[in-house]
PDB file of N, CA and C in Angstrom:
ATOM      1  N   MET A   1    -156.752 -90.409-121.372  1.00  0.00           N
ATOM      2  CA  MET A   1    -157.193 -89.982-120.056  1.00  0.00           C
ATOM      3  C   MET A   1    -157.980 -88.688-120.224  1.00  0.00           C
ATOM      4  N   THR A   2    -159.176 -88.652-119.676  1.00  0.00           N
ATOM      5  CA  THR A   2    -159.975 -87.438-119.739  1.00  0.00           C
ATOM      6  C   THR A   2    -159.549 -86.495-118.639  1.00  0.00           C
ATOM      7  N   GLN A   3    -160.027 -85.258-118.719  1.00  0.00           N
ATOM      8  CA  GLN A   3    -159.666 -84.283-117.700  1.00  0.00           C
ATOM      9  C   GLN A   3    -160.199 -84.682-116.342  1.00  0.00           C
ATOM     10  N   ASP A   4    -161.359 -85.331-116.308  1.00  0.00           N
ATOM     11  CA  ASP A   4    -161.976 -85.707-115.039  1.00  0.00           C
ATOM     12  C   ASP A   4    -161.415 -87.011-114.486  1.00  0.00           C
ATOM     13  N   GLU A   5    -160.627 -87.709-115.256  1.00  0.00           N
ATOM     14  CA  GLU A   5    -160.132 -89.019-114.859  1.00  0.00           C
ATOM     15  C   GLU A   5    -158.670 -88.909-114.440  1.00  0.00           C
ATOM     16  N   SER A   6    -158.384 -89.265-113.211  1.00  0.00           N
ATOM     17  CA  SER A   6    -157.015 -89.174-112.716  1.00  0.00           C
ATOM     18  C   SER A   6    -156.254 -90.457-113.014  1.00  0.00           C
ATOM     19  N   ALA A   7    -154.959 -90.392-112.865  1.00  0.00           N
ATOM     20  CA  ALA A   7    -154.122 -91.577-113.031  1.00  0.00           C
ATOM     21  C   ALA A   7    -154.496 -92.627-111.998  1.00  0.00           C
ATOM     22  N   PHE A   8    -154.892 -92.173-110.821  1.00  0.00           N
ATOM     23  CA  PHE A   8    -155.314 -93.107-109.779  1.00  0.00           C
ATOM     24  C   PHE A   8    -156.566 -93.861-110.217  1.00  0.00           C
ATOM     25  N   ASP A   9    -157.519 -93.166-110.836  1.00  0.00           N
ATOM     26  CA  ASP A   9    -158.735 -93.817-111.332  1.00  0.00           C
ATOM     27  C   ASP A   9    -158.394 -94.862-112.385  1.00  0.00           C
ATOM     28  N   GLN A  10    -157.457 -94.534-113.263  1.00  0.00           N
ATOM     29  CA  GLN A  10    -157.047 -95.486-114.284  1.00  0.00           C
ATOM     30  C   GLN A  10    -156.409 -96.717-113.651  1.00  0.00           C
ATOM     31  N   ALA A  11    -155.560 -96.512-112.660  1.00  0.00           N
ATOM     32  CA  ALA A  11    -154.916 -97.641-111.982  1.00  0.00           C
ATOM     33  C   ALA A  11    -155.955 -98.508-111.282  1.00  0.00           C
ATOM     34  N   ALA A  12    -156.940 -97.881-110.667  1.00  0.00           N
ATOM     35  CA  ALA A  12    -157.987 -98.636-109.987  1.00  0.00           C
ATOM     36  C   ALA A  12    -158.769 -99.482-110.997  1.00  0.00           C
ATOM     37  N   ARG A  13    -159.032 -98.922-112.191  1.00  0.00           N
ATOM     38  CA  ARG A  13    -159.738 -99.691-113.213  1.00  0.00           C
ATOM     39  C   ARG A  13    -158.902-100.867-113.692  1.00  0.00           C
ATOM     40  N   ARG A  14    -157.587-100.634-113.870  1.00  0.00           N
ATOM     41  CA  ARG A  14    -156.715-101.736-114.287  1.00  0.00           C
ATOM     42  C   ARG A  14    -156.687-102.833-113.226  1.00  0.00           C
ATOM     43  N   LEU A  15    -156.653-102.433-111.960  1.00  0.00           N
ATOM     44  CA  LEU A  15    -156.669-103.402-110.870  1.00  0.00           C
ATOM     45  C   LEU A  15    -157.977-104.186-110.869  1.00  0.00           C
ATOM     46  N   ASP A  16    -159.086-103.501-111.045  1.00  0.00           N
ATOM     47  CA  ASP A  16    -160.384-104.186-111.117  1.00  0.00           C
ATOM     48  C   ASP A  16    -160.416-105.168-112.283  1.00  0.00           C
ATOM     49  N   ARG A  17    -159.875-104.749-113.424  1.00  0.00           N
ATOM     50  CA  ARG A  17    -159.862-105.616-114.602  1.00  0.00           C
ATOM     51  C   ARG A  17    -158.999-106.850-114.346  1.00  0.00           C
ATOM     52  N   ALA A  18    -157.841-106.655-113.705  1.00  0.00           N
ATOM     53  CA  ALA A  18    -156.962-107.786-113.404  1.00  0.00           C
ATOM     54  C   ALA A  18    -157.635-108.748-112.425  1.00  0.00           C
ATOM     55  N   LEU A  19    -158.336-108.196-111.433  1.00  0.00           N
ATOM     56  CA  LEU A  19    -159.057-109.051-110.484  1.00  0.00           C
ATOM     57  C   LEU A  19    -160.166-109.829-111.178  1.00  0.00           C
ATOM     58  N   ALA A  20    -160.885-109.178-112.067  1.00  0.00           N
ATOM     59  CA  ALA A  20    -161.963-109.853-112.794  1.00  0.00           C
ATOM     60  C   ALA A  20    -161.402-110.988-113.645  1.00  0.00           C
ATOM     61  N   LEU A  21    -160.279-110.738-114.312  1.00  0.00           N
ATOM     62  CA  LEU A  21    -159.647-111.792-115.109  1.00  0.00           C
ATOM     63  C   LEU A  21    -159.202-112.952-114.235  1.00  0.00           C
ATOM     64  N   LEU A  22    -158.643-112.630-113.089  1.00  0.00           N
ATOM     65  CA  LEU A  22    -158.195-113.663-112.167  1.00  0.00           C
ATOM     66  C   LEU A  22    -159.380-114.484-111.659  1.00  0.00           C
ATOM     67  N   GLU A  23    -160.466-113.809-111.302  1.00  0.00           N
ATOM     68  CA  GLU A  23    -161.661-114.513-110.839  1.00  0.00           C
ATOM     69  C   GLU A  23    -162.238-115.409-111.926  1.00  0.00           C
ATOM     70  N   GLN A  24    -162.254-114.923-113.168  1.00  0.00           N
ATOM     71  CA  GLN A  24    -162.749-115.740-114.276  1.00  0.00           C
ATOM     72  C   GLN A  24    -161.882-116.976-114.462  1.00  0.00           C
ATOM     73  N   GLU A  25    -160.587-116.768-114.381  1.00  0.00           N
ATOM     74  CA  GLU A  25    -159.658-117.882-114.542  1.00  0.00           C
ATOM     75  C   GLU A  25    -159.853-118.912-113.431  1.00  0.00           C
ATOM     76  N   LEU A  26    -159.987-118.436-112.201  1.00  0.00           N
ATOM     77  CA  LEU A  26    -160.163-119.344-111.072  1.00  0.00           C
ATOM     78  C   LEU A  26    -161.506-120.069-111.140  1.00  0.00           C
ATOM     79  N   ALA A  27    -162.538-119.403-111.616  1.00  0.00           N
ATOM     80  CA  ALA A  27    -163.865-120.013-111.695  1.00  0.00           C
ATOM     81  C   ALA A  27    -163.888-121.164-112.695  1.00  0.00           C
ATOM     82  N   GLY A  28    -163.057-121.099-113.700  1.00  0.00           N
ATOM     83  CA  GLY A  28    -163.035-122.132-114.720  1.00  0.00           C
ATOM     84  C   GLY A  28    -162.106-123.289-114.413  1.00  0.00           C
ATOM     85  N   ARG A  29    -161.471-123.275-113.266  1.00  0.00           N
ATOM     86  CA  ARG A  29    -160.494-124.318-112.920  1.00  0.00           C
ATOM     87  C   ARG A  29    -161.007-125.191-111.783  1.00  0.00           C
ATOM     88  N   PRO A  30    -160.817-126.498-111.898  1.00  0.00           N
ATOM     89  CA  PRO A  30    -161.131-127.364-110.752  1.00  0.00           C
ATOM     90  C   PRO A  30    -160.110-127.143-109.647  1.00  0.00           C
ATOM     91  N   SER A  31    -160.544-127.262-108.402  1.00  0.00           N
ATOM     92  CA  SER A  31    -159.626-127.042-107.288  1.00  0.00           C
ATOM     93  C   SER A  31    -158.978-128.352-106.863  1.00  0.00           C
ATOM     94  N   GLY A  32    -157.882-128.223-106.153  1.00  0.00           N
ATOM     95  CA  GLY A  32    -157.237-129.381-105.569  1.00  0.00           C
ATOM     96  C   GLY A  32    -156.103-129.958-106.380  1.00  0.00           C
ATOM     97  N   GLY A  33    -155.952-129.570-107.633  1.00  0.00           N
ATOM     98  CA  GLY A  33    -154.876-130.121-108.443  1.00  0.00           C
ATOM     99  C   GLY A  33    -153.560-129.448-108.135  1.00  0.00           C
ATOM    100  N   GLU A  34    -152.524-130.241-107.863  1.00  0.00           N
ATOM    101  CA  GLU A  34    -151.242-129.672-107.495  1.00  0.00           C
ATOM    102  C   GLU A  34    -150.604-128.929-108.657  1.00  0.00           C
ATOM    103  N   GLY A  35    -150.805-129.412-109.871  1.00  0.00           N
ATOM    104  CA  GLY A  35    -150.196-128.793-111.037  1.00  0.00           C
ATOM    105  C   GLY A  35    -150.741-127.410-111.342  1.00  0.00           C
ATOM    106  N   GLU A  36    -151.935-127.119-110.894  1.00  0.00           N
ATOM    107  CA  GLU A  36    -152.520-125.826-111.236  1.00  0.00           C
ATOM    108  C   GLU A  36    -151.795-124.661-110.562  1.00  0.00           C
ATOM    109  N   LEU A  37    -151.004-124.918-109.548  1.00  0.00           N
ATOM    110  CA  LEU A  37    -150.237-123.847-108.918  1.00  0.00           C
ATOM    111  C   LEU A  37    -149.210-123.274-109.875  1.00  0.00           C
ATOM    112  N   PHE A  38    -148.838-124.050-110.857  1.00  0.00           N
ATOM    113  CA  PHE A  38    -147.799-123.629-111.788  1.00  0.00           C
ATOM    114  C   PHE A  38    -148.361-123.282-113.161  1.00  0.00           C
ATOM    115  N   ASP A  39    -149.652-123.120-113.252  1.00  0.00           N
ATOM    116  CA  ASP A  39    -150.307-122.808-114.507  1.00  0.00           C
ATOM    117  C   ASP A  39    -149.816-121.453-115.019  1.00  0.00           C
ATOM    118  N   PRO A  40    -149.283-121.397-116.231  1.00  0.00           N
ATOM    119  CA  PRO A  40    -148.725-120.129-116.752  1.00  0.00           C
ATOM    120  C   PRO A  40    -149.759-119.005-116.844  1.00  0.00           C
ATOM    121  N   ALA A  41    -150.977-119.308-117.205  1.00  0.00           N
ATOM    122  CA  ALA A  41    -151.999-118.252-117.303  1.00  0.00           C
ATOM    123  C   ALA A  41    -152.258-117.643-115.934  1.00  0.00           C
ATOM    124  N   ARG A  42    -152.378-118.478-114.931  1.00  0.00           N
ATOM    125  CA  ARG A  42    -152.617-117.982-113.574  1.00  0.00           C
ATOM    126  C   ARG A  42    -151.427-117.181-113.078  1.00  0.00           C
ATOM    127  N   ASN A  43    -150.243-117.666-113.355  1.00  0.00           N
ATOM    128  CA  ASN A  43    -149.044-116.937-112.938  1.00  0.00           C
ATOM    129  C   ASN A  43    -148.977-115.576-113.622  1.00  0.00           C
ATOM    130  N   GLY A  44    -149.357-115.534-114.897  1.00  0.00           N
ATOM    131  CA  GLY A  44    -149.369-114.264-115.615  1.00  0.00           C
ATOM    132  C   GLY A  44    -150.374-113.297-115.021  1.00  0.00           C
ATOM    133  N   LEU A  45    -151.548-113.799-114.670  1.00  0.00           N
ATOM    134  CA  LEU A  45    -152.567-112.947-114.058  1.00  0.00           C
ATOM    135  C   LEU A  45    -152.120-112.463-112.687  1.00  0.00           C
ATOM    136  N   ALA A  46    -151.510-113.341-111.932  1.00  0.00           N
ATOM    137  CA  ALA A  46    -151.026-112.947-110.607  1.00  0.00           C
ATOM    138  C   ALA A  46    -149.941-111.882-110.729  1.00  0.00           C
ATOM    139  N   ALA A  47    -149.076-112.026-111.710  1.00  0.00           N
ATOM    140  CA  ALA A  47    -148.022-111.031-111.924  1.00  0.00           C
ATOM    141  C   ALA A  47    -148.629-109.693-112.331  1.00  0.00           C
ATOM    142  N   GLU A  48    -149.635-109.733-113.207  1.00  0.00           N
ATOM    143  CA  GLU A  48    -150.296-108.494-113.617  1.00  0.00           C
ATOM    144  C   GLU A  48    -150.984-107.834-112.426  1.00  0.00           C
ATOM    145  N   LEU A  49    -151.609-108.633-111.590  1.00  0.00           N
ATOM    146  CA  LEU A  49    -152.266-108.104-110.400  1.00  0.00           C
ATOM    147  C   LEU A  49    -151.254-107.437-109.473  1.00  0.00           C
ATOM    148  N   GLU A  50    -150.123-108.075-109.267  1.00  0.00           N
ATOM    149  CA  GLU A  50    -149.088-107.497-108.395  1.00  0.00           C
ATOM    150  C   GLU A  50    -148.537-106.204-108.980  1.00  0.00           C
ATOM    151  N   ARG A  51    -148.330-106.168-110.298  1.00  0.00           N
ATOM    152  CA  ARG A  51    -147.864-104.932-110.934  1.00  0.00           C
ATOM    153  C   ARG A  51    -148.899-103.825-110.762  1.00  0.00           C
ATOM    154  N   SER A  52    -150.168-104.165-110.906  1.00  0.00           N
ATOM    155  CA  SER A  52    -151.231-103.173-110.733  1.00  0.00           C
ATOM    156  C   SER A  52    -151.262-102.649-109.304  1.00  0.00           C
ATOM    157  N   ARG A  53    -151.100-103.540-108.347  1.00  0.00           N
ATOM    158  CA  ARG A  53    -151.088-103.115-106.943  1.00  0.00           C
ATOM    159  C   ARG A  53    -149.885-102.232-106.638  1.00  0.00           C
ATOM    160  N   ALA A  54    -148.742-102.584-107.189  1.00  0.00           N
ATOM    161  CA  ALA A  54    -147.542-101.771-106.979  1.00  0.00           C
ATOM    162  C   ALA A  54    -147.736-100.387-107.596  1.00  0.00           C
ATOM    163  N   ARG A  55    -148.306-100.344-108.784  1.00  0.00           N
ATOM    164  CA  ARG A  55    -148.555 -99.057-109.443  1.00  0.00           C
ATOM    165  C   ARG A  55    -149.558 -98.236-108.644  1.00  0.00           C
ATOM    166  N   GLU A  56    -150.562 -98.897-108.075  1.00  0.00           N
ATOM    167  CA  GLU A  56    -151.540 -98.192-107.246  1.00  0.00           C
ATOM    168  C   GLU A  56    -150.853 -97.555-106.035  1.00  0.00           C
ATOM    169  N   ARG A  57    -149.945 -98.296-105.396  1.00  0.00           N
ATOM    170  CA  ARG A  57    -149.209 -97.752-104.247  1.00  0.00           C
ATOM    171  C   ARG A  57    -148.363 -96.550-104.669  1.00  0.00           C
ATOM    172  N   GLU A  58    -147.711 -96.657-105.838  1.00  0.00           N
ATOM    173  CA  GLU A  58    -146.908 -95.548-106.337  1.00  0.00           C
ATOM    174  C   GLU A  58    -147.774 -94.314-106.576  1.00  0.00           C
ATOM    175  N   LEU A  59    -148.937 -94.522-107.177  1.00  0.00           N
ATOM    176  CA  LEU A  59    -149.833 -93.399-107.466  1.00  0.00           C
ATOM    177  C   LEU A  59    -150.375 -92.776-106.188  1.00  0.00           C
ATOM    178  N   GLN A  60    -150.660 -93.598-105.191  1.00  0.00           N
ATOM    179  CA  GLN A  60    -151.129 -93.048-103.917  1.00  0.00           C
ATOM    180  C   GLN A  60    -150.041 -92.193-103.268  1.00  0.00           C
ATOM    181  N   ALA A  61    -148.807 -92.662-103.306  1.00  0.00           N
ATOM    182  CA  ALA A  61    -147.700 -91.899-102.732  1.00  0.00           C
ATOM    183  C   ALA A  61    -147.493 -90.595-103.508  1.00  0.00           C
ATOM    184  N   ALA A  62    -147.568 -90.671-104.830  1.00  0.00           N
ATOM    185  CA  ALA A  62    -147.406 -89.459-105.644  1.00  0.00           C
ATOM    186  C   ALA A  62    -148.545 -88.479-105.376  1.00  0.00           C
ATOM    187  N   GLY A  63    -149.754 -88.987-105.212  1.00  0.00           N
ATOM    188  CA  GLY A  63    -150.887 -88.122-104.903  1.00  0.00           C
ATOM    189  C   GLY A  63    -150.729 -87.437-103.557  1.00  0.00           C
ATOM    190  N   ALA A  64    -150.251 -88.161-102.575  1.00  0.00           N
ATOM    191  CA  ALA A  64    -150.037 -87.583-101.248  1.00  0.00           C
ATOM    192  C   ALA A  64    -148.953 -86.503-101.310  1.00  0.00           C
ATOM    193  N   GLU A  65    -147.885 -86.771-102.050  1.00  0.00           N
ATOM    194  CA  GLU A  65    -146.807 -85.784-102.192  1.00  0.00           C
ATOM    195  C   GLU A  65    -147.312 -84.546-102.926  1.00  0.00           C
ATOM    196  N   ALA A  66    -148.088 -84.732-103.974  1.00  0.00           N
ATOM    197  CA  ALA A  66    -148.647 -83.593-104.712  1.00  0.00           C
ATOM    198  C   ALA A  66    -149.567 -82.774-103.815  1.00  0.00           C
ATOM    199  N   SER A  67    -150.334 -83.440-102.993  1.00  0.00           N
ATOM    200  CA  SER A  67    -151.233 -82.746-102.079  1.00  0.00           C
ATOM    201  C   SER A  67    -150.447 -81.905-101.076  1.00  0.00           C
ATOM    202  N   ARG A  68    -149.371 -82.478-100.536  1.00  0.00           N
ATOM    203  CA  ARG A  68    -148.523 -81.726 -99.604  1.00  0.00           C
ATOM    204  C   ARG A  68    -147.904 -80.506-100.287  1.00  0.00           C
ATOM    205  N   ALA A  69    -147.391 -80.709-101.498  1.00  0.00           N
ATOM    206  CA  ALA A  69    -146.764 -79.610-102.228  1.00  0.00           C
ATOM    207  C   ALA A  69    -147.788 -78.521-102.550  1.00  0.00           C
ATOM    208  N   LEU A  70    -148.983 -78.919-102.927  1.00  0.00           N
ATOM    209  CA  LEU A  70    -150.032 -77.951-103.223  1.00  0.00           C
ATOM    210  C   LEU A  70    -150.410 -77.174-101.969  1.00  0.00           C
ATOM    211  N   GLY A  71    -150.528 -77.854-100.852  1.00  0.00           N
ATOM    212  CA  GLY A  71    -150.831 -77.186 -99.589  1.00  0.00           C
ATOM    213  C   GLY A  71    -149.761 -76.178 -99.214  1.00  0.00           C
ATOM    214  N   GLN A  72    -148.518 -76.544 -99.418  1.00  0.00           N
ATOM    215  CA  GLN A  72    -147.412 -75.632 -99.114  1.00  0.00           C
ATOM    216  C   GLN A  72    -147.448 -74.425-100.047  1.00  0.00           C
ATOM    217  N   ALA A  73    -147.711 -74.660-101.326  1.00  0.00           N
ATOM    218  CA  ALA A  73    -147.779 -73.554-102.287  1.00  0.00           C
ATOM    219  C   ALA A  73    -148.921 -72.604-101.936  1.00  0.00           C
ATOM    220  N   ILE A  74    -150.058 -73.138-101.547  1.00  0.00           N
ATOM    221  CA  ILE A  74    -151.199 -72.312-101.158  1.00  0.00           C
ATOM    222  C   ILE A  74    -150.837 -71.456 -99.944  1.00  0.00           C
ATOM    223  N   ALA A  75    -150.176 -72.072 -98.966  1.00  0.00           N
ATOM    224  CA  ALA A  75    -149.776 -71.330 -97.768  1.00  0.00           C
ATOM    225  C   ALA A  75    -148.809 -70.200 -98.114  1.00  0.00           C
ATOM    226  N   GLU A  76    -147.874 -70.473 -99.013  1.00  0.00           N
ATOM    227  CA  GLU A  76    -146.912 -69.446 -99.420  1.00  0.00           C
ATOM    228  C   GLU A  76    -147.603 -68.301-100.163  1.00  0.00           C
ATOM    229  N   ILE A  77    -148.538 -68.635-101.042  1.00  0.00           N
ATOM    230  CA  ILE A  77    -149.280 -67.599-101.775  1.00  0.00           C
ATOM    231  C   ILE A  77    -150.107 -66.762-100.812  1.00  0.00           C
ATOM    232  N   GLU A  78    -150.762 -67.419 -99.886  1.00  0.00           N
ATOM    233  CA  GLU A  78    -151.555 -66.680 -98.900  1.00  0.00           C
ATOM    234  C   GLU A  78    -150.670 -65.758 -98.058  1.00  0.00           C
ATOM    235  N   ALA A  79    -149.469 -66.204 -97.724  1.00  0.00           N
ATOM    236  CA  ALA A  79    -148.545 -65.374 -96.933  1.00  0.00           C
ATOM    237  C   ALA A  79    -148.113 -64.154 -97.740  1.00  0.00           C
ATOM    238  N   VAL A  80    -147.820 -64.359 -99.015  1.00  0.00           N
ATOM    239  CA  VAL A  80    -147.413 -63.232 -99.870  1.00  0.00           C
ATOM    240  C   VAL A  80    -148.574 -62.254-100.028  1.00  0.00           C
ATOM    241  N   LEU A  81    -149.770 -62.766-100.276  1.00  0.00           N
ATOM    242  CA  LEU A  81    -150.922 -61.887-100.428  1.00  0.00           C
ATOM    243  C   LEU A  81    -151.221 -61.140 -99.121  1.00  0.00           C
ATOM    244  N   GLY A  82    -151.081 -61.834 -98.015  1.00  0.00           N
ATOM    245  CA  GLY A  82    -151.309 -61.198 -96.713  1.00  0.00           C
ATOM    246  C   GLY A  82    -150.282 -60.107 -96.438  1.00  0.00           C
ATOM    247  N   ALA A  83    -149.028 -60.330 -96.820  1.00  0.00           N
ATOM    248  CA  ALA A  83    -147.981 -59.340 -96.616  1.00  0.00           C
ATOM    249  C   ALA A  83    -148.221 -58.114 -97.508  1.00  0.00           C
ATOM    250  N   GLY A  84    -148.776 -58.347 -98.674  1.00  0.00           N
ATOM    251  CA  GLY A  84    -149.055 -57.245 -99.596  1.00  0.00           C
ATOM    252  C   GLY A  84    -150.190 -56.360 -99.109  1.00  0.00           C
ATOM    253  N   ARG A  85    -151.080 -56.913 -98.330  1.00  0.00           N
ATOM    254  CA  ARG A  85    -152.197 -56.137 -97.785  1.00  0.00           C
ATOM    255  C   ARG A  85    -151.844 -55.520 -96.430  1.00  0.00           C
ATOM    256  N   GLY A  86    -150.702 -55.868 -95.934  1.00  0.00           N
ATOM    257  CA  GLY A  86    -150.277 -55.335 -94.648  1.00  0.00           C
ATOM    258  C   GLY A  86    -150.850 -56.104 -93.471  1.00  0.00           C
ATOM    259  N   ASP A  87    -151.269 -57.345 -93.687  1.00  0.00           N
ATOM    260  CA  ASP A  87    -151.826 -58.183 -92.608  1.00  0.00           C
ATOM    261  C   ASP A  87    -150.764 -58.594 -91.629  1.00  0.00           C
TER     262      ASP A  87
END
């Protein structure tokens, strides 16, 4: 992970990659066959996609929590600095 690349960016790339794999798999399959619902490759891709989506939700929640904590820390620092200046 580079300094400019967040965990959220990495998760988004993994999700895009999983979607691309799923689309490739679906494009190569004839439609209408009942057995294809149980195809192990498709099931594996669907599971990977769901894991990626779950991880994306986790990262979004962690990002929101970090943002709240950072905002609170900034407010506390500003209050301390303001008190030191006699504001």
